[in-house]
Amino acid sequence: MSASGAGTSGGCSIGGVTLRCQRHLDARWQQLDIQEVFSRDGLCRLWNQMLTDGELTGAFTDGVINSAGAVARRGESGHFYCGTRSLTCPCCDGLCGPGYGCNCGPCRQLDAELGAEGTESDEPALSSRAQLQPWQWSDSPSAEQLAACLRTLQREQMAAAAQASLSCLSALRIRQRVAVARRYFTALTPQPPADASDTGARTAAAAISANSIEGSDMEIP
């Protein structure tokens, strides 16, 4: 299968869900009536179809479809592995993973796109409750400590409000419609050529070769 037939477009995050379009499925989406996203049954069917095709990933999935069409999962080393026998290096017996070692080109592409998600190791800040408890039996807090606690309270209130707004049914339906619409319009967008520079180089090489052959057939007076 050619790379263009099984390629994927770059991931797009929508409300904690990442959409990675499988371009070999574009023909199906090009025949879609986009008005279906405004009906409950049509929206649920299209959303479930993207889940079945592996185009949606998030906390509810344990794998990601790479550009070769294989399901890749994050291994012990933090890299993605699909477990296929597609490598030529002798150190890994030709296998991509499954837990550590070398990985194939499509899985390395996933590392480049999604690798940052697994590298964040920032320690969580103290909650407002944890900051307030020591003040009950100790000296009065300083102005800096009070200001820091107020900032923490503001962040917690903003996070709670954002979580409440994202969890309501209307916001969920909007995010689903945006994801389906993005998948539909991605299917209508033509794919760029595989490698225009290589095509130009091959054309130039063929022209030079043809000129050389014509020159060798010329009679010498």
Protein backbone atom coordinates (compact mmCIF):
# COMPACT_ATOMS: atom_id res chain seq x y z
CA MET A 1 0.00 0.00 0.00
CA SER A 2 1.37 3.38 -0.93
CA ALA A 3 2.09 6.02 1.64
CA SER A 4 -0.51 8.31 0.19
CA GLY A 5 -3.16 5.61 0.42
CA ALA A 6 -2.60 4.97 4.10
CA GLY A 7 -1.42 8.37 5.21
CA THR A 8 -2.72 10.40 8.09
CA SER A 9 -3.11 14.11 8.52
CA GLY A 10 -1.70 15.93 11.52
CA GLY A 11 -3.54 15.52 14.81
CA CYS A 12 -6.02 18.15 15.94
CA SER A 13 -7.07 18.33 19.60
CA ILE A 14 -10.72 19.19 20.30
CA GLY A 15 -11.78 19.17 23.95
CA GLY A 16 -9.29 16.53 25.04
CA VAL A 17 -9.96 14.33 21.98
CA THR A 18 -7.39 14.14 19.18
CA LEU A 19 -8.58 13.73 15.59
CA ARG A 20 -6.07 12.06 13.25
CA CYS A 21 -7.64 11.62 9.83
CA GLN A 22 -6.95 8.41 7.90
CA ARG A 23 -6.69 9.80 4.39
CA HIS A 24 -7.44 6.45 2.71
CA LEU A 25 -10.99 6.80 4.10
CA ASP A 26 -11.58 10.18 2.42
CA ALA A 27 -13.75 8.70 -0.35
CA ARG A 28 -16.37 7.65 2.19
CA TRP A 29 -16.46 11.08 3.82
CA GLN A 30 -16.69 12.89 0.49
CA GLN A 31 -20.10 11.26 -0.06
CA LEU A 32 -21.42 12.45 3.32
CA ASP A 33 -24.36 14.81 3.67
CA ILE A 34 -22.95 17.27 6.20
CA GLN A 35 -26.51 18.12 7.34
CA GLU A 36 -26.49 14.83 9.28
CA VAL A 37 -24.43 16.45 12.05
CA PHE A 38 -27.52 18.46 13.07
CA SER A 39 -29.55 15.34 13.89
CA ARG A 40 -28.86 13.36 17.04
CA ASP A 41 -28.83 9.95 15.33
CA GLY A 42 -26.67 11.15 12.45
CA LEU A 43 -24.14 12.77 14.77
CA CYS A 44 -23.90 9.67 16.96
CA ARG A 45 -23.43 7.44 13.91
CA LEU A 46 -20.63 9.59 12.45
CA TRP A 47 -18.91 9.96 15.82
CA ASN A 48 -19.00 6.21 16.42
CA GLN A 49 -17.69 5.64 12.90
CA MET A 50 -14.62 7.75 13.63
CA LEU A 51 -14.10 5.81 16.86
CA THR A 52 -14.34 2.50 14.98
CA ASP A 53 -11.86 3.68 12.34
CA GLY A 54 -9.38 4.73 15.03
CA GLU A 55 -9.42 8.38 13.99
CA LEU A 56 -10.31 9.62 17.48
CA THR A 57 -7.96 9.11 20.39
CA GLY A 58 -8.13 10.26 23.98
CA ALA A 59 -8.41 8.99 27.53
CA PHE A 60 -10.91 6.38 26.32
CA THR A 61 -8.44 4.69 23.93
CA ASP A 62 -5.24 2.77 24.54
CA GLY A 63 -3.82 2.93 21.03
CA VAL A 64 -3.24 5.23 18.06
CA ILE A 65 -3.45 4.34 14.36
CA ASN A 66 -0.12 5.19 12.68
CA SER A 67 0.36 6.18 9.03
CA ALA A 68 0.81 2.50 8.05
CA GLY A 69 -2.65 1.63 9.39
CA ALA A 70 -1.35 -0.34 12.40
CA VAL A 71 -2.40 0.23 16.02
CA ALA A 72 0.53 1.67 17.99
CA ARG A 73 0.75 1.88 21.77
CA ARG A 74 3.18 3.66 24.05
CA GLY A 75 5.78 1.21 25.39
CA GLU A 76 7.88 1.09 28.53
CA SER A 77 10.44 3.43 26.99
CA GLY A 78 7.81 6.09 26.30
CA HIS A 79 7.94 5.60 22.52
CA PHE A 80 5.17 4.26 20.29
CA TYR A 81 5.37 0.67 18.97
CA CYS A 82 3.04 -1.22 16.64
CA GLY A 83 4.63 -4.68 16.92
CA THR A 84 4.94 -5.24 13.16
CA ARG A 85 7.97 -6.89 11.58
CA SER A 86 9.07 -3.92 9.49
CA LEU A 87 12.60 -3.11 10.71
CA THR A 88 15.87 -4.10 9.09
CA CYS A 89 18.18 -3.53 12.06
CA PRO A 90 19.51 -6.78 13.64
CA CYS A 91 19.31 -5.50 17.22
CA CYS A 92 15.51 -5.76 17.40
CA ASP A 93 14.94 -8.89 15.27
CA GLY A 94 12.99 -6.74 12.83
CA LEU A 95 10.15 -6.09 15.30
CA CYS A 96 8.82 -2.66 16.17
CA GLY A 97 8.72 -2.92 19.97
CA PRO A 98 6.53 -3.99 21.59
CA GLY A 99 7.79 -2.35 24.79
CA TYR A 100 11.23 -0.93 24.09
CA GLY A 101 13.96 -0.81 21.47
CA CYS A 102 13.79 0.56 17.93
CA ASN A 103 10.51 1.58 16.34
CA CYS A 104 9.44 1.89 12.72
CA GLY A 105 9.06 5.08 10.68
CA PRO A 106 5.29 5.49 11.20
CA CYS A 107 5.72 5.04 14.96
CA ARG A 108 8.59 7.54 15.02
CA GLN A 109 6.19 9.96 13.34
CA LEU A 110 3.78 9.41 16.23
CA ASP A 111 6.64 10.12 18.66
CA ALA A 112 7.20 13.45 16.93
CA GLU A 113 3.49 14.35 16.94
CA LEU A 114 2.42 13.03 20.35
CA GLY A 115 5.66 12.49 22.24
CA ALA A 116 5.35 15.74 24.20
CA GLU A 117 2.17 14.47 25.85
CA GLY A 118 4.09 11.86 27.80
CA THR A 119 7.06 14.04 28.77
CA GLU A 120 5.30 16.51 31.02
CA SER A 121 6.45 15.89 34.60
CA ASP A 122 5.57 19.12 36.37
CA GLU A 123 4.71 18.63 40.03
CA PRO A 124 1.16 19.69 40.88
CA ALA A 125 0.85 22.91 42.88
CA LEU A 126 -0.49 22.85 46.43
CA SER A 127 -4.26 23.16 46.64
CA SER A 128 -5.90 26.01 48.53
CA ARG A 129 -7.01 23.56 51.25
CA ALA A 130 -3.42 22.39 51.75
CA GLN A 131 -2.30 26.00 52.08
CA LEU A 132 -5.04 26.96 54.54
CA GLN A 133 -4.73 24.04 56.96
CA PRO A 134 -1.33 24.97 58.49
CA TRP A 135 -2.57 28.48 59.25
CA GLN A 136 -5.14 27.16 61.77
CA TRP A 137 -2.47 26.34 64.38
CA SER A 138 0.44 28.52 63.32
CA ASP A 139 1.22 32.20 63.06
CA SER A 140 -0.77 34.44 60.78
CA PRO A 141 0.23 34.10 57.12
CA SER A 142 2.25 36.78 55.43
CA ALA A 143 0.93 39.01 52.66
CA GLU A 144 2.81 36.95 50.07
CA GLN A 145 1.27 33.72 51.35
CA LEU A 146 -2.22 35.22 51.30
CA ALA A 147 -1.72 36.46 47.73
CA ALA A 148 -0.47 33.03 46.64
CA CYS A 149 -3.47 31.34 48.25
CA LEU A 150 -5.86 33.74 46.52
CA ARG A 151 -4.26 32.98 43.15
CA THR A 152 -4.66 29.27 43.83
CA LEU A 153 -8.33 29.77 44.71
CA GLN A 154 -8.87 31.68 41.46
CA ARG A 155 -7.25 28.89 39.42
CA GLU A 156 -9.38 26.26 41.16
CA GLN A 157 -12.58 28.22 40.51
CA MET A 158 -11.66 28.71 36.84
CA ALA A 159 -10.87 25.00 36.46
CA ALA A 160 -14.17 24.01 38.10
CA ALA A 161 -16.13 26.39 35.85
CA ALA A 162 -14.36 25.11 32.73
CA GLN A 163 -15.02 21.49 33.71
CA ALA A 164 -18.69 22.25 34.32
CA SER A 165 -19.07 23.97 30.96
CA LEU A 166 -17.30 21.16 29.08
CA SER A 167 -19.33 18.40 30.72
CA CYS A 168 -22.77 19.75 29.79
CA LEU A 169 -24.58 18.01 26.93
CA SER A 170 -24.78 21.06 24.66
CA ALA A 171 -21.01 21.65 24.81
CA LEU A 172 -20.38 17.95 24.14
CA ARG A 173 -22.59 18.03 21.05
CA ILE A 174 -20.82 21.15 19.77
CA ARG A 175 -17.40 19.51 20.11
CA GLN A 176 -18.65 16.41 18.32
CA ARG A 177 -20.08 18.49 15.47
CA VAL A 178 -16.82 20.41 15.13
CA ALA A 179 -14.83 17.16 14.95
CA VAL A 180 -17.14 15.62 12.33
CA ALA A 181 -17.16 18.82 10.27
CA ARG A 182 -13.37 19.01 10.38
CA ARG A 183 -13.14 15.38 9.21
CA TYR A 184 -15.56 16.11 6.35
CA PHE A 185 -13.71 19.19 5.09
CA THR A 186 -10.36 17.42 5.44
CA ALA A 187 -11.67 14.75 3.06
CA LEU A 188 -12.58 17.46 0.55
CA THR A 189 -9.06 18.93 0.69
CA PRO A 190 -6.76 17.35 -1.93
CA GLN A 191 -3.64 15.69 -0.59
CA PRO A 192 -0.29 17.26 -1.51
CA PRO A 193 1.96 15.24 -3.86
CA ALA A 194 4.09 12.64 -2.13
CA ASP A 195 7.39 14.36 -2.93
CA ALA A 196 7.48 16.95 -5.68
CA SER A 197 11.25 17.38 -5.39
CA ASP A 198 11.85 13.67 -6.06
CA THR A 199 9.51 13.78 -9.05
CA GLY A 200 11.37 16.75 -10.50
CA ALA A 201 14.72 15.10 -9.93
CA ARG A 202 13.59 11.90 -11.67
CA THR A 203 12.27 13.91 -14.64
CA ALA A 204 15.54 15.81 -14.95
CA ALA A 205 17.56 12.59 -14.72
CA ALA A 206 15.43 10.99 -17.45
CA ALA A 207 15.93 14.00 -19.71
CA ILE A 208 19.71 13.94 -19.20
CA SER A 209 19.78 10.21 -19.89
CA ALA A 210 17.76 10.65 -23.10
CA ASN A 211 20.09 13.40 -24.31
CA SER A 212 23.10 11.21 -23.59
CA ILE A 213 21.62 8.34 -25.60
CA GLU A 214 20.85 10.64 -28.54
CA GLY A 215 24.38 12.00 -28.44
CA SER A 216 25.90 8.52 -28.48
CA ASP A 217 23.91 7.58 -31.62
CA MET A 218 25.27 10.50 -33.66
CA GLU A 219 27.60 9.56 -36.52
CA ILE A 220 31.13 10.93 -36.33
CA PRO A 221 32.19 12.43 -39.71
